[in-house]
Amino acid sequence: SAVPEEASLLCVAQLIKGKGVDLLLKALKKMTC
């Protein structure tokens, strides 16, 4: 399917420390869009 215009992002990962989802959340906090 075509890449959507909406600003949507996806992370598929086990929710364990090594997968770094906490790092993603902290990065999302810094976004302005």
All heavy atoms as atom14 arrays in JSON, in Angstrom:
{
  "sequence": "SAVPEEASLLCVAQLIKGKGVDLLLKALKKMTC",
  "atom14_mask": [
    [1, 1, 1, 1, 1, 1, 0, 0, 0, 0, 0, 0, 0, 0],
    [1, 1, 1, 1, 1, 0, 0, 0, 0, 0, 0, 0, 0, 0],
    [1, 1, 1, 1, 1, 1, 1, 0, 0, 0, 0, 0, 0, 0],
    [1, 1, 1, 1, 1, 1, 1, 0, 0, 0, 0, 0, 0, 0],
    [1, 1, 1, 1, 1, 1, 1, 1, 1, 0, 0, 0, 0, 0],
    [1, 1, 1, 1, 1, 1, 1, 1, 1, 0, 0, 0, 0, 0],
    [1, 1, 1, 1, 1, 0, 0, 0, 0, 0, 0, 0, 0, 0],
    [1, 1, 1, 1, 1, 1, 0, 0, 0, 0, 0, 0, 0, 0],
    [1, 1, 1, 1, 1, 1, 1, 1, 0, 0, 0, 0, 0, 0],
    [1, 1, 1, 1, 1, 1, 1, 1, 0, 0, 0, 0, 0, 0],
    [1, 1, 1, 1, 1, 1, 0, 0, 0, 0, 0, 0, 0, 0],
    [1, 1, 1, 1, 1, 1, 1, 0, 0, 0, 0, 0, 0, 0],
    [1, 1, 1, 1, 1, 0, 0, 0, 0, 0, 0, 0, 0, 0],
    [1, 1, 1, 1, 1, 1, 1, 1, 1, 0, 0, 0, 0, 0],
    [1, 1, 1, 1, 1, 1, 1, 1, 0, 0, 0, 0, 0, 0],
    [1, 1, 1, 1, 1, 1, 1, 1, 0, 0, 0, 0, 0, 0],
    [1, 1, 1, 1, 1, 1, 1, 1, 1, 0, 0, 0, 0, 0],
    [1, 1, 1, 1, 0, 0, 0, 0, 0, 0, 0, 0, 0, 0],
    [1, 1, 1, 1, 1, 1, 1, 1, 1, 0, 0, 0, 0, 0],
    [1, 1, 1, 1, 0, 0, 0, 0, 0, 0, 0, 0, 0, 0],
    [1, 1, 1, 1, 1, 1, 1, 0, 0, 0, 0, 0, 0, 0],
    [1, 1, 1, 1, 1, 1, 1, 1, 0, 0, 0, 0, 0, 0],
    [1, 1, 1, 1, 1, 1, 1, 1, 0, 0, 0, 0, 0, 0],
    [1, 1, 1, 1, 1, 1, 1, 1, 0, 0, 0, 0, 0, 0],
    [1, 1, 1, 1, 1, 1, 1, 1, 0, 0, 0, 0, 0, 0],
    [1, 1, 1, 1, 1, 1, 1, 1, 1, 0, 0, 0, 0, 0],
    [1, 1, 1, 1, 1, 0, 0, 0, 0, 0, 0, 0, 0, 0],
    [1, 1, 1, 1, 1, 1, 1, 1, 0, 0, 0, 0, 0, 0],
    [1, 1, 1, 1, 1, 1, 1, 1, 1, 0, 0, 0, 0, 0],
    [1, 1, 1, 1, 1, 1, 1, 1, 1, 0, 0, 0, 0, 0],
    [1, 1, 1, 1, 1, 1, 1, 1, 0, 0, 0, 0, 0, 0],
    [1, 1, 1, 1, 1, 1, 1, 0, 0, 0, 0, 0, 0, 0],
    [1, 1, 1, 1, 1, 1, 0, 0, 0, 0, 0, 0, 0, 0]
  ],
  "atom14_positions": [
    [[0.84, -1.2, 0.0], [0.0, 0.0, 0.0], [0.87, 1.25, 0.0], [2.04, 1.22, 0.41], [-0.9, 0.0, 1.24], [-0.12, -0.02, 2.42], [0.0, 0.0, 0.0], [0.0, 0.0, 0.0], [0.0, 0.0, 0.0], [0.0, 0.0, 0.0], [0.0, 0.0, 0.0], [0.0, 0.0, 0.0], [0.0, 0.0, 0.0], [0.0, 0.0, 0.0]],
    [[0.31, 2.33, -0.48], [1.06, 3.59, -0.53], [1.36, 4.08, 0.88], [0.58, 3.85, 1.81], [0.24, 4.64, -1.28], [0.0, 0.0, 0.0], [0.0, 0.0, 0.0], [0.0, 0.0, 0.0], [0.0, 0.0, 0.0], [0.0, 0.0, 0.0], [0.0, 0.0, 0.0], [0.0, 0.0, 0.0], [0.0, 0.0, 0.0], [0.0, 0.0, 0.0]],
    [[2.49, 4.74, 1.03], [2.84, 5.33, 2.32], [1.82, 6.41, 2.66], [1.58, 7.31, 1.85], [4.27, 5.93, 2.27], [4.58, 6.64, 3.58], [5.3, 4.83, 2.01], [0.0, 0.0, 0.0], [0.0, 0.0, 0.0], [0.0, 0.0, 0.0], [0.0, 0.0, 0.0], [0.0, 0.0, 0.0], [0.0, 0.0, 0.0], [0.0, 0.0, 0.0]],
    [[1.17, 6.36, 3.81], [0.13, 7.35, 4.14], [0.69, 8.75, 4.37], [1.86, 8.92, 4.71], [-0.49, 6.78, 5.42], [0.6, 5.96, 6.04], [1.37, 5.38, 4.89], [0.0, 0.0, 0.0], [0.0, 0.0, 0.0], [0.0, 0.0, 0.0], [0.0, 0.0, 0.0], [0.0, 0.0, 0.0], [0.0, 0.0, 0.0], [0.0, 0.0, 0.0]],
    [[-0.15, 9.73, 4.21], [0.24, 11.12, 4.47], [0.28, 11.4, 5.98], [1.06, 12.25, 6.43], [-0.75, 12.08, 3.8], [-0.68, 12.11, 2.29], [0.6, 12.79, 1.8], [1.12, 13.68, 2.51], [1.1, 12.42, 0.72], [0.0, 0.0, 0.0], [0.0, 0.0, 0.0], [0.0, 0.0, 0.0], [0.0, 0.0, 0.0], [0.0, 0.0, 0.0]],
    [[-0.54, 10.72, 6.73], [-0.62, 10.96, 8.17], [0.71, 10.67, 8.86], [1.41, 9.73, 8.5], [-1.72, 10.1, 8.8], [-3.14, 10.44, 8.33], [-3.44, 9.91, 6.95], [-2.74, 8.95, 6.52], [-4.35, 10.45, 6.28], [0.0, 0.0, 0.0], [0.0, 0.0, 0.0], [0.0, 0.0, 0.0], [0.0, 0.0, 0.0], [0.0, 0.0, 0.0]],
    [[1.01, 11.47, 9.87], [2.27, 11.32, 10.61], [2.12, 10.2, 11.64], [2.02, 10.43, 12.85], [2.63, 12.63, 11.28], [0.0, 0.0, 0.0], [0.0, 0.0, 0.0], [0.0, 0.0, 0.0], [0.0, 0.0, 0.0], [0.0, 0.0, 0.0], [0.0, 0.0, 0.0], [0.0, 0.0, 0.0], [0.0, 0.0, 0.0], [0.0, 0.0, 0.0]],
    [[2.13, 8.96, 11.13], [1.94, 7.79, 12.0], [3.2, 6.95, 12.0], [3.79, 6.71, 10.95], [0.75, 6.96, 11.51], [0.94, 6.62, 10.14], [0.0, 0.0, 0.0], [0.0, 0.0, 0.0], [0.0, 0.0, 0.0], [0.0, 0.0, 0.0], [0.0, 0.0, 0.0], [0.0, 0.0, 0.0], [0.0, 0.0, 0.0], [0.0, 0.0, 0.0]],
    [[3.62, 6.51, 13.17], [4.8, 5.67, 13.24], [4.5, 4.41, 14.04], [3.58, 4.37, 14.86], [6.0, 6.43, 13.82], [5.89, 7.06, 15.2], [6.33, 6.08, 16.26], [6.76, 8.31, 15.26], [0.0, 0.0, 0.0], [0.0, 0.0, 0.0], [0.0, 0.0, 0.0], [0.0, 0.0, 0.0], [0.0, 0.0, 0.0], [0.0, 0.0, 0.0]],
    [[5.3, 3.38, 13.77], [5.06, 2.07, 14.34], [6.35, 1.5, 14.93], [7.42, 1.63, 14.33], [4.53, 1.12, 13.25], [4.39, -0.37, 13.6], [3.27, -0.57, 14.63], [4.09, -1.18, 12.33], [0.0, 0.0, 0.0], [0.0, 0.0, 0.0], [0.0, 0.0, 0.0], [0.0, 0.0, 0.0], [0.0, 0.0, 0.0], [0.0, 0.0, 0.0]],
    [[6.23, 0.85, 16.07], [7.33, 0.1, 16.67], [6.81, -1.29, 17.01], [5.82, -1.41, 17.73], [7.86, 0.8, 17.92], [9.16, -0.13, 18.78], [0.0, 0.0, 0.0], [0.0, 0.0, 0.0], [0.0, 0.0, 0.0], [0.0, 0.0, 0.0], [0.0, 0.0, 0.0], [0.0, 0.0, 0.0], [0.0, 0.0, 0.0], [0.0, 0.0, 0.0]],
    [[7.45, -2.33, 16.46], [7.08, -3.71, 16.75], [8.24, -4.34, 17.52], [9.33, -4.5, 16.97], [6.81, -4.5, 15.45], [6.39, -5.93, 15.79], [5.73, -3.81, 14.61], [0.0, 0.0, 0.0], [0.0, 0.0, 0.0], [0.0, 0.0, 0.0], [0.0, 0.0, 0.0], [0.0, 0.0, 0.0], [0.0, 0.0, 0.0], [0.0, 0.0, 0.0]],
    [[8.01, -4.65, 18.79], [9.12, -5.13, 19.62], [8.61, -5.78, 20.88], [7.52, -5.45, 21.38], [10.04, -3.97, 20.0], [0.0, 0.0, 0.0], [0.0, 0.0, 0.0], [0.0, 0.0, 0.0], [0.0, 0.0, 0.0], [0.0, 0.0, 0.0], [0.0, 0.0, 0.0], [0.0, 0.0, 0.0], [0.0, 0.0, 0.0], [0.0, 0.0, 0.0]],
    [[9.38, -6.74, 21.41], [9.11, -7.22, 22.76], [9.3, -6.05, 23.73], [10.23, -5.24, 23.57], [10.07, -8.34, 23.14], [9.74, -9.69, 22.55], [10.67, -10.76, 23.09], [11.8, -10.92, 22.64], [10.2, -11.51, 24.07], [0.0, 0.0, 0.0], [0.0, 0.0, 0.0], [0.0, 0.0, 0.0], [0.0, 0.0, 0.0], [0.0, 0.0, 0.0]],
    [[8.46, -5.97, 24.72], [8.55, -4.88, 25.68], [9.49, -5.28, 26.81], [9.09, -5.59, 27.93], [7.16, -4.51, 26.19], [6.17, -4.08, 25.1], [4.88, -3.57, 25.72], [6.77, -3.05, 24.17], [0.0, 0.0, 0.0], [0.0, 0.0, 0.0], [0.0, 0.0, 0.0], [0.0, 0.0, 0.0], [0.0, 0.0, 0.0], [0.0, 0.0, 0.0]],
    [[10.77, -5.3, 26.46], [11.85, -5.61, 27.38], [12.92, -4.54, 27.23], [12.95, -3.81, 26.23], [12.46, -7.01, 27.12], [12.96, -7.1, 25.67], [11.44, -8.1, 27.41], [13.63, -8.42, 25.34], [0.0, 0.0, 0.0], [0.0, 0.0, 0.0], [0.0, 0.0, 0.0], [0.0, 0.0, 0.0], [0.0, 0.0, 0.0], [0.0, 0.0, 0.0]],
    [[13.8, -4.44, 28.19], [14.77, -3.35, 28.23], [15.62, -3.27, 26.97], [15.87, -2.19, 26.43], [15.66, -3.49, 29.45], [16.63, -2.33, 29.66], [17.4, -2.49, 30.96], [18.34, -1.31, 31.18], [19.08, -1.45, 32.46], [0.0, 0.0, 0.0], [0.0, 0.0, 0.0], [0.0, 0.0, 0.0], [0.0, 0.0, 0.0], [0.0, 0.0, 0.0]],
    [[16.06, -4.43, 26.48], [16.97, -4.45, 25.34], [16.39, -3.85, 24.07], [17.15, -3.39, 23.21], [0.0, 0.0, 0.0], [0.0, 0.0, 0.0], [0.0, 0.0, 0.0], [0.0, 0.0, 0.0], [0.0, 0.0, 0.0], [0.0, 0.0, 0.0], [0.0, 0.0, 0.0], [0.0, 0.0, 0.0], [0.0, 0.0, 0.0], [0.0, 0.0, 0.0]],
    [[15.08, -3.86, 23.94], [14.46, -3.37, 22.71], [14.33, -1.85, 22.67], [13.98, -1.28, 21.65], [13.09, -4.02, 22.52], [13.17, -5.5, 22.2], [13.91, -5.76, 20.88], [13.93, -7.23, 20.52], [14.62, -7.49, 19.24], [0.0, 0.0, 0.0], [0.0, 0.0, 0.0], [0.0, 0.0, 0.0], [0.0, 0.0, 0.0], [0.0, 0.0, 0.0]],
    [[14.59, -1.18, 23.8], [14.74, 0.27, 23.78], [13.48, 1.08, 23.56], [13.57, 2.24, 23.13], [0.0, 0.0, 0.0], [0.0, 0.0, 0.0], [0.0, 0.0, 0.0], [0.0, 0.0, 0.0], [0.0, 0.0, 0.0], [0.0, 0.0, 0.0], [0.0, 0.0, 0.0], [0.0, 0.0, 0.0], [0.0, 0.0, 0.0], [0.0, 0.0, 0.0]],
    [[12.31, 0.54, 23.86], [11.08, 1.31, 23.67], [11.07, 2.54, 24.57], [10.5, 3.58, 24.23], [9.84, 0.43, 23.9], [8.55, 1.25, 23.77], [9.82, -0.73, 22.91], [0.0, 0.0, 0.0], [0.0, 0.0, 0.0], [0.0, 0.0, 0.0], [0.0, 0.0, 0.0], [0.0, 0.0, 0.0], [0.0, 0.0, 0.0], [0.0, 0.0, 0.0]],
    [[11.73, 2.47, 25.73], [11.84, 3.65, 26.58], [12.62, 4.77, 25.9], [12.31, 5.96, 26.05], [12.48, 3.3, 27.92], [13.88, 2.71, 27.76], [14.09, 1.88, 26.85], [14.77, 3.08, 28.55], [0.0, 0.0, 0.0], [0.0, 0.0, 0.0], [0.0, 0.0, 0.0], [0.0, 0.0, 0.0], [0.0, 0.0, 0.0], [0.0, 0.0, 0.0]],
    [[13.65, 4.4, 25.11], [14.4, 5.4, 24.36], [13.52, 6.05, 23.3], [13.6, 7.26, 23.07], [15.63, 4.75, 23.7], [16.62, 4.07, 24.65], [17.72, 3.37, 23.85], [17.22, 5.08, 25.62], [0.0, 0.0, 0.0], [0.0, 0.0, 0.0], [0.0, 0.0, 0.0], [0.0, 0.0, 0.0], [0.0, 0.0, 0.0], [0.0, 0.0, 0.0]],
    [[12.67, 5.25, 22.67], [11.73, 5.8, 21.69], [10.79, 6.79, 22.34], [10.56, 7.89, 21.82], [10.93, 4.66, 21.05], [9.74, 5.08, 20.19], [10.17, 5.93, 19.01], [8.96, 3.85, 19.71], [0.0, 0.0, 0.0], [0.0, 0.0, 0.0], [0.0, 0.0, 0.0], [0.0, 0.0, 0.0], [0.0, 0.0, 0.0], [0.0, 0.0, 0.0]],
    [[10.24, 6.44, 23.5], [9.3, 7.35, 24.18], [9.97, 8.68, 24.53], [9.38, 9.76, 24.36], [8.75, 6.68, 25.44], [7.87, 5.44, 25.22], [7.52, 4.8, 26.55], [6.62, 5.79, 24.43], [0.0, 0.0, 0.0], [0.0, 0.0, 0.0], [0.0, 0.0, 0.0], [0.0, 0.0, 0.0], [0.0, 0.0, 0.0], [0.0, 0.0, 0.0]],
    [[11.21, 8.62, 25.0], [11.92, 9.84, 25.35], [12.21, 10.69, 24.11], [12.21, 11.92, 24.18], [13.21, 9.5, 26.09], [12.96, 8.9, 27.47], [14.22, 8.36, 28.11], [13.93, 7.69, 29.45], [15.15, 7.09, 30.05], [0.0, 0.0, 0.0], [0.0, 0.0, 0.0], [0.0, 0.0, 0.0], [0.0, 0.0, 0.0], [0.0, 0.0, 0.0]],
    [[12.45, 10.02, 22.98], [12.67, 10.76, 21.73], [11.36, 11.39, 21.25], [11.35, 12.54, 20.76], [13.23, 9.83, 20.67], [0.0, 0.0, 0.0], [0.0, 0.0, 0.0], [0.0, 0.0, 0.0], [0.0, 0.0, 0.0], [0.0, 0.0, 0.0], [0.0, 0.0, 0.0], [0.0, 0.0, 0.0], [0.0, 0.0, 0.0], [0.0, 0.0, 0.0]],
    [[10.25, 10.68, 21.38], [8.95, 11.22, 20.97], [8.61, 12.48, 21.75], [8.0, 13.42, 21.22], [7.86, 10.17, 21.17], [7.91, 8.94, 20.25], [6.85, 7.93, 20.66], [7.74, 9.33, 18.79], [0.0, 0.0, 0.0], [0.0, 0.0, 0.0], [0.0, 0.0, 0.0], [0.0, 0.0, 0.0], [0.0, 0.0, 0.0], [0.0, 0.0, 0.0]],
    [[9.01, 12.52, 23.01], [8.74, 13.7, 23.85], [9.42, 14.94, 23.29], [8.94, 16.07, 23.47], [9.24, 13.42, 25.27], [9.06, 14.58, 26.24], [7.59, 14.92, 26.45], [7.42, 16.02, 27.49], [6.0, 16.41, 27.66], [0.0, 0.0, 0.0], [0.0, 0.0, 0.0], [0.0, 0.0, 0.0], [0.0, 0.0, 0.0], [0.0, 0.0, 0.0]],
    [[10.52, 14.76, 22.56], [11.28, 15.89, 22.03], [10.78, 16.38, 20.67], [11.27, 17.39, 20.15], [12.76, 15.5, 21.91], [13.43, 15.22, 23.26], [14.88, 14.8, 23.08], [15.55, 14.59, 24.44], [15.66, 15.86, 25.22], [0.0, 0.0, 0.0], [0.0, 0.0, 0.0], [0.0, 0.0, 0.0], [0.0, 0.0, 0.0], [0.0, 0.0, 0.0]],
    [[9.84, 15.67, 20.06], [9.37, 16.05, 18.73], [8.41, 17.23, 18.79], [7.64, 17.37, 19.73], [8.72, 14.85, 18.05], [9.74, 13.77, 17.67], [9.0, 12.26, 17.02], [8.04, 12.9, 15.65], [0.0, 0.0, 0.0], [0.0, 0.0, 0.0], [0.0, 0.0, 0.0], [0.0, 0.0, 0.0], [0.0, 0.0, 0.0], [0.0, 0.0, 0.0]],
    [[8.46, 18.07, 17.76], [7.61, 19.26, 17.72], [6.43, 19.09, 16.77], [5.47, 19.85, 16.85], [8.43, 20.48, 17.29], [9.0, 20.25, 15.99], [9.55, 20.77, 18.29], [0.0, 0.0, 0.0], [0.0, 0.0, 0.0], [0.0, 0.0, 0.0], [0.0, 0.0, 0.0], [0.0, 0.0, 0.0], [0.0, 0.0, 0.0], [0.0, 0.0, 0.0]],
    [[6.51, 18.11, 15.85], [5.39, 17.9, 14.92], [4.33, 17.02, 15.56], [4.6, 16.29, 16.53], [5.88, 17.28, 13.61], [6.4, 15.55, 13.76], [0.0, 0.0, 0.0], [0.0, 0.0, 0.0], [0.0, 0.0, 0.0], [0.0, 0.0, 0.0], [0.0, 0.0, 0.0], [0.0, 0.0, 0.0], [0.0, 0.0, 0.0], [0.0, 0.0, 0.0]]
  ]
}
